[in-house]
PDB file of all heavy atoms in Angstrom:
ATOM      1  N   ALA A   1     -28.003-157.291-126.441  1.00  0.00           N
ATOM      2  CA  ALA A   1     -29.328-157.911-126.531  1.00  0.00           C
ATOM      3  C   ALA A   1     -30.419-156.847-126.660  1.00  0.00           C
ATOM      4  O   ALA A   1     -31.345-156.982-127.472  1.00  0.00           O
ATOM      5  CB  ALA A   1     -29.572-158.782-125.303  1.00  0.00           C
ATOM      6  N   ILE A   2     -30.309-155.789-125.860  1.00  0.00           N
ATOM      7  CA  ILE A   2     -31.311-154.720-125.896  1.00  0.00           C
ATOM      8  C   ILE A   2     -31.305-154.018-127.256  1.00  0.00           C
ATOM      9  O   ILE A   2     -32.357-153.798-127.869  1.00  0.00           O
ATOM     10  CB  ILE A   2     -31.062-153.697-124.769  1.00  0.00           C
ATOM     11  CG1 ILE A   2     -31.326-154.352-123.406  1.00  0.00           C
ATOM     12  CG2 ILE A   2     -31.955-152.466-124.940  1.00  0.00           C
ATOM     13  CD1 ILE A   2     -30.824-153.538-122.229  1.00  0.00           C
ATOM     14  N   LEU A   3     -30.118-153.671-127.739  1.00  0.00           N
ATOM     15  CA  LEU A   3     -30.008-152.993-129.034  1.00  0.00           C
ATOM     16  C   LEU A   3     -30.577-153.855-130.151  1.00  0.00           C
ATOM     17  O   LEU A   3     -31.268-153.353-131.045  1.00  0.00           O
ATOM     18  CB  LEU A   3     -28.541-152.652-129.329  1.00  0.00           C
ATOM     19  CG  LEU A   3     -27.957-151.455-128.581  1.00  0.00           C
ATOM     20  CD1 LEU A   3     -26.441-151.404-128.761  1.00  0.00           C
ATOM     21  CD2 LEU A   3     -28.590-150.150-129.064  1.00  0.00           C
ATOM     22  N   ALA A   4     -30.291-155.146-130.098  1.00  0.00           N
ATOM     23  CA  ALA A   4     -30.782-156.046-131.139  1.00  0.00           C
ATOM     24  C   ALA A   4     -32.302-156.113-131.127  1.00  0.00           C
ATOM     25  O   ALA A   4     -32.956-155.962-132.172  1.00  0.00           O
ATOM     26  CB  ALA A   4     -30.188-157.436-130.938  1.00  0.00           C
ATOM     27  N   ALA A   5     -32.876-156.353-129.948  1.00  0.00           N
ATOM     28  CA  ALA A   5     -34.336-156.455-129.851  1.00  0.00           C
ATOM     29  C   ALA A   5     -35.013-155.148-130.239  1.00  0.00           C
ATOM     30  O   ALA A   5     -36.063-155.148-130.896  1.00  0.00           O
ATOM     31  CB  ALA A   5     -34.731-156.863-128.435  1.00  0.00           C
ATOM     32  N   ALA A   6     -34.421-154.034-129.837  1.00  0.00           N
ATOM     33  CA  ALA A   6     -34.983-152.721-130.170  1.00  0.00           C
ATOM     34  C   ALA A   6     -34.984-152.471-131.674  1.00  0.00           C
ATOM     35  O   ALA A   6     -35.806-151.707-132.186  1.00  0.00           O
ATOM     36  CB  ALA A   6     -34.204-151.619-129.459  1.00  0.00           C
ATOM     37  N   ASN A   7     -34.071-153.140-132.377  1.00  0.00           N
ATOM     38  CA  ASN A   7     -33.968-152.964-133.826  1.00  0.00           C
ATOM     39  C   ASN A   7     -34.597-154.123-134.596  1.00  0.00           C
ATOM     40  O   ASN A   7     -34.339-154.302-135.788  1.00  0.00           O
ATOM     41  CB  ASN A   7     -32.501-152.797-134.229  1.00  0.00           C
ATOM     42  CG  ASN A   7     -31.978-151.407-133.882  1.00  0.00           C
ATOM     43  OD1 ASN A   7     -32.361-150.419-134.495  1.00  0.00           O
ATOM     44  ND2 ASN A   7     -31.112-151.324-132.889  1.00  0.00           N
ATOM     45  N   GLY A   8     -35.441-154.896-133.905  1.00  0.00           N
ATOM     46  CA  GLY A   8     -36.240-155.894-134.598  1.00  0.00           C
ATOM     47  C   GLY A   8     -35.627-157.267-134.765  1.00  0.00           C
ATOM     48  O   GLY A   8     -36.202-158.118-135.443  1.00  0.00           O
ATOM     49  N   VAL A   9     -34.470-157.523-134.147  1.00  0.00           N
ATOM     50  CA  VAL A   9     -33.871-158.857-134.238  1.00  0.00           C
ATOM     51  C   VAL A   9     -34.723-159.837-133.427  1.00  0.00           C
ATOM     52  O   VAL A   9     -35.091-159.534-132.280  1.00  0.00           O
ATOM     53  CB  VAL A   9     -32.420-158.848-133.715  1.00  0.00           C
ATOM     54  CG1 VAL A   9     -31.841-160.264-133.669  1.00  0.00           C
ATOM     55  CG2 VAL A   9     -31.543-157.955-134.590  1.00  0.00           C
ATOM     56  N   PRO A  10     -35.062-161.000-133.972  1.00  0.00           N
ATOM     57  CA  PRO A  10     -35.906-161.969-133.248  1.00  0.00           C
ATOM     58  C   PRO A  10     -35.114-162.698-132.168  1.00  0.00           C
ATOM     59  O   PRO A  10     -34.772-163.872-132.288  1.00  0.00           O
ATOM     60  CB  PRO A  10     -36.357-162.927-134.352  1.00  0.00           C
ATOM     61  CG  PRO A  10     -35.228-162.908-135.347  1.00  0.00           C
ATOM     62  CD  PRO A  10     -34.720-161.486-135.332  1.00  0.00           C
ATOM     63  N   LEU A  11     -34.840-161.998-131.086  1.00  0.00           N
ATOM     64  CA  LEU A  11     -33.986-162.505-130.016  1.00  0.00           C
ATOM     65  C   LEU A  11     -34.767-162.582-128.710  1.00  0.00           C
ATOM     66  O   LEU A  11     -35.521-161.671-128.376  1.00  0.00           O
ATOM     67  CB  LEU A  11     -32.786-161.569-129.832  1.00  0.00           C
ATOM     68  CG  LEU A  11     -31.895-161.797-128.611  1.00  0.00           C
ATOM     69  CD1 LEU A  11     -31.062-163.061-128.788  1.00  0.00           C
ATOM     70  CD2 LEU A  11     -30.994-160.593-128.373  1.00  0.00           C
ATOM     71  N   LYS A  12     -34.571-163.657-127.973  1.00  0.00           N
ATOM     72  CA  LYS A  12     -35.136-163.787-126.638  1.00  0.00           C
ATOM     73  C   LYS A  12     -34.016-164.102-125.651  1.00  0.00           C
ATOM     74  O   LYS A  12     -33.172-164.969-125.914  1.00  0.00           O
ATOM     75  CB  LYS A  12     -36.177-164.905-126.582  1.00  0.00           C
ATOM     76  CG  LYS A  12     -37.515-164.556-127.216  1.00  0.00           C
ATOM     77  CD  LYS A  12     -38.289-163.534-126.391  1.00  0.00           C
ATOM     78  CE  LYS A  12     -39.664-163.270-126.975  1.00  0.00           C
ATOM     79  NZ  LYS A  12     -40.405-162.261-126.185  1.00  0.00           N
ATOM     80  N   VAL A  13     -33.990-163.404-124.537  1.00  0.00           N
ATOM     81  CA  VAL A  13     -33.058-163.732-123.457  1.00  0.00           C
ATOM     82  C   VAL A  13     -33.653-164.900-122.690  1.00  0.00           C
ATOM     83  O   VAL A  13     -34.773-164.814-122.184  1.00  0.00           O
ATOM     84  CB  VAL A  13     -32.833-162.522-122.532  1.00  0.00           C
ATOM     85  CG1 VAL A  13     -32.142-162.949-121.241  1.00  0.00           C
ATOM     86  CG2 VAL A  13     -32.008-161.462-123.251  1.00  0.00           C
ATOM     87  N   VAL A  14     -32.894-166.002-122.606  1.00  0.00           N
ATOM     88  CA  VAL A  14     -33.418-167.205-121.951  1.00  0.00           C
ATOM     89  C   VAL A  14     -32.759-167.462-120.594  1.00  0.00           C
ATOM     90  O   VAL A  14     -33.175-168.372-119.867  1.00  0.00           O
ATOM     91  CB  VAL A  14     -33.251-168.442-122.858  1.00  0.00           C
ATOM     92  CG1 VAL A  14     -34.184-168.340-124.055  1.00  0.00           C
ATOM     93  CG2 VAL A  14     -31.806-168.607-123.332  1.00  0.00           C
ATOM     94  N   ALA A  15     -31.754-166.659-120.244  1.00  0.00           N
ATOM     95  CA  ALA A  15     -31.098-166.803-118.938  1.00  0.00           C
ATOM     96  C   ALA A  15     -30.092-165.681-118.757  1.00  0.00           C
ATOM     97  O   ALA A  15     -29.699-165.011-119.710  1.00  0.00           O
ATOM     98  CB  ALA A  15     -30.376-168.146-118.819  1.00  0.00           C
ATOM     99  N   ALA A  16     -29.673-165.513-117.522  1.00  0.00           N
ATOM    100  CA  ALA A  16     -28.500-164.683-117.254  1.00  0.00           C
ATOM    101  C   ALA A  16     -27.271-165.566-117.463  1.00  0.00           C
ATOM    102  O   ALA A  16     -27.338-166.789-117.295  1.00  0.00           O
ATOM    103  CB  ALA A  16     -28.527-164.176-115.818  1.00  0.00           C
ATOM    104  N   TYR A  17     -26.161-164.959-117.850  1.00  0.00           N
ATOM    105  CA  TYR A  17     -24.914-165.730-117.920  1.00  0.00           C
ATOM    106  C   TYR A  17     -24.021-165.359-116.737  1.00  0.00           C
ATOM    107  O   TYR A  17     -23.597-166.213-115.983  1.00  0.00           O
ATOM    108  CB  TYR A  17     -24.174-165.505-119.237  1.00  0.00           C
ATOM    109  CG  TYR A  17     -22.987-166.444-119.367  1.00  0.00           C
ATOM    110  CD1 TYR A  17     -23.152-167.699-119.925  1.00  0.00           C
ATOM    111  CD2 TYR A  17     -21.731-166.099-118.885  1.00  0.00           C
ATOM    112  CE1 TYR A  17     -22.097-168.597-120.004  1.00  0.00           C
ATOM    113  CE2 TYR A  17     -20.668-166.988-118.949  1.00  0.00           C
ATOM    114  CZ  TYR A  17     -20.849-168.235-119.514  1.00  0.00           C
ATOM    115  OH  TYR A  17     -19.801-169.124-119.575  1.00  0.00           O
ATOM    116  N   ALA A  18     -23.756-164.062-116.591  1.00  0.00           N
ATOM    117  CA  ALA A  18     -22.892-163.643-115.475  1.00  0.00           C
ATOM    118  C   ALA A  18     -23.156-162.194-115.118  1.00  0.00           C
ATOM    119  O   ALA A  18     -23.669-161.413-115.920  1.00  0.00           O
ATOM    120  CB  ALA A  18     -21.423-163.836-115.836  1.00  0.00           C
ATOM    121  N   ARG A  19     -22.792-161.857-113.891  1.00  0.00           N
ATOM    122  CA  ARG A  19     -22.823-160.472-113.407  1.00  0.00           C
ATOM    123  C   ARG A  19     -21.418-160.182-112.888  1.00  0.00           C
ATOM    124  O   ARG A  19     -20.933-160.899-112.016  1.00  0.00           O
ATOM    125  CB  ARG A  19     -23.859-160.320-112.294  1.00  0.00           C
ATOM    126  CG  ARG A  19     -25.246-160.820-112.707  1.00  0.00           C
ATOM    127  CD  ARG A  19     -26.047-161.292-111.528  1.00  0.00           C
ATOM    128  NE  ARG A  19     -27.275-161.976-111.925  1.00  0.00           N
ATOM    129  CZ  ARG A  19     -27.346-163.271-112.223  1.00  0.00           C
ATOM    130  NH1 ARG A  19     -26.249-164.036-112.159  1.00  0.00           N
ATOM    131  NH2 ARG A  19     -28.492-163.824-112.569  1.00  0.00           N
ATOM    132  N   SER A  20     -20.787-159.119-113.420  1.00  0.00           N
ATOM    133  CA  SER A  20     -19.360-158.948-113.099  1.00  0.00           C
ATOM    134  C   SER A  20     -18.841-157.521-113.321  1.00  0.00           C
ATOM    135  O   SER A  20     -17.955-157.312-114.150  1.00  0.00           O
ATOM    136  CB  SER A  20     -18.528-159.909-113.950  1.00  0.00           C
ATOM    137  OG  SER A  20     -18.924-159.826-115.321  1.00  0.00           O
ATOM    138  N   PRO A  21     -19.345-156.534-112.601  1.00  0.00           N
ATOM    139  CA  PRO A  21     -18.875-155.157-112.809  1.00  0.00           C
ATOM    140  C   PRO A  21     -17.394-154.968-112.534  1.00  0.00           C
ATOM    141  O   PRO A  21     -16.745-154.105-113.135  1.00  0.00           O
ATOM    142  CB  PRO A  21     -19.727-154.331-111.842  1.00  0.00           C
ATOM    143  CG  PRO A  21     -20.210-155.310-110.824  1.00  0.00           C
ATOM    144  CD  PRO A  21     -20.382-156.603-111.562  1.00  0.00           C
ATOM    145  N   LYS A  22     -16.827-155.791-111.634  1.00  0.00           N
ATOM    146  CA  LYS A  22     -15.414-155.629-111.284  1.00  0.00           C
ATOM    147  C   LYS A  22     -14.472-156.281-112.291  1.00  0.00           C
ATOM    148  O   LYS A  22     -13.258-156.214-112.138  1.00  0.00           O
ATOM    149  CB  LYS A  22     -15.155-156.221-109.896  1.00  0.00           C
ATOM    150  CG  LYS A  22     -15.885-155.517-108.770  1.00  0.00           C
ATOM    151  CD  LYS A  22     -15.577-156.174-107.431  1.00  0.00           C
ATOM    152  CE  LYS A  22     -16.332-155.513-106.290  1.00  0.00           C
ATOM    153  NZ  LYS A  22     -16.049-156.182-104.983  1.00  0.00           N
ATOM    154  N   ALA A  23     -15.032-156.913-113.319  1.00  0.00           N
ATOM    155  CA  ALA A  23     -14.204-157.655-114.273  1.00  0.00           C
ATOM    156  C   ALA A  23     -13.899-156.879-115.545  1.00  0.00           C
ATOM    157  O   ALA A  23     -13.166-157.357-116.397  1.00  0.00           O
ATOM    158  CB  ALA A  23     -14.884-158.973-114.631  1.00  0.00           C
ATOM    159  N   TYR A  24     -14.457-155.666-115.684  1.00  0.00           N
ATOM    160  CA  TYR A  24     -14.284-154.870-116.898  1.00  0.00           C
ATOM    161  C   TYR A  24     -13.445-153.635-116.583  1.00  0.00           C
ATOM    162  O   TYR A  24     -13.684-152.961-115.575  1.00  0.00           O
ATOM    163  CB  TYR A  24     -15.647-154.464-117.458  1.00  0.00           C
ATOM    164  CG  TYR A  24     -16.490-155.651-117.874  1.00  0.00           C
ATOM    165  CD1 TYR A  24     -17.367-156.254-116.974  1.00  0.00           C
ATOM    166  CD2 TYR A  24     -16.400-156.184-119.156  1.00  0.00           C
ATOM    167  CE1 TYR A  24     -18.129-157.354-117.341  1.00  0.00           C
ATOM    168  CE2 TYR A  24     -17.154-157.277-119.535  1.00  0.00           C
ATOM    169  CZ  TYR A  24     -18.020-157.863-118.630  1.00  0.00           C
ATOM    170  OH  TYR A  24     -18.764-158.954-118.989  1.00  0.00           O
TER     171      TYR A  24
END
């Protein structure tokens, strides 16, 4: 999401989906 917005993609974050550091 950050990379896309930084490169001009018309993207808005409308919510969190998940937080999961132990899952990767």
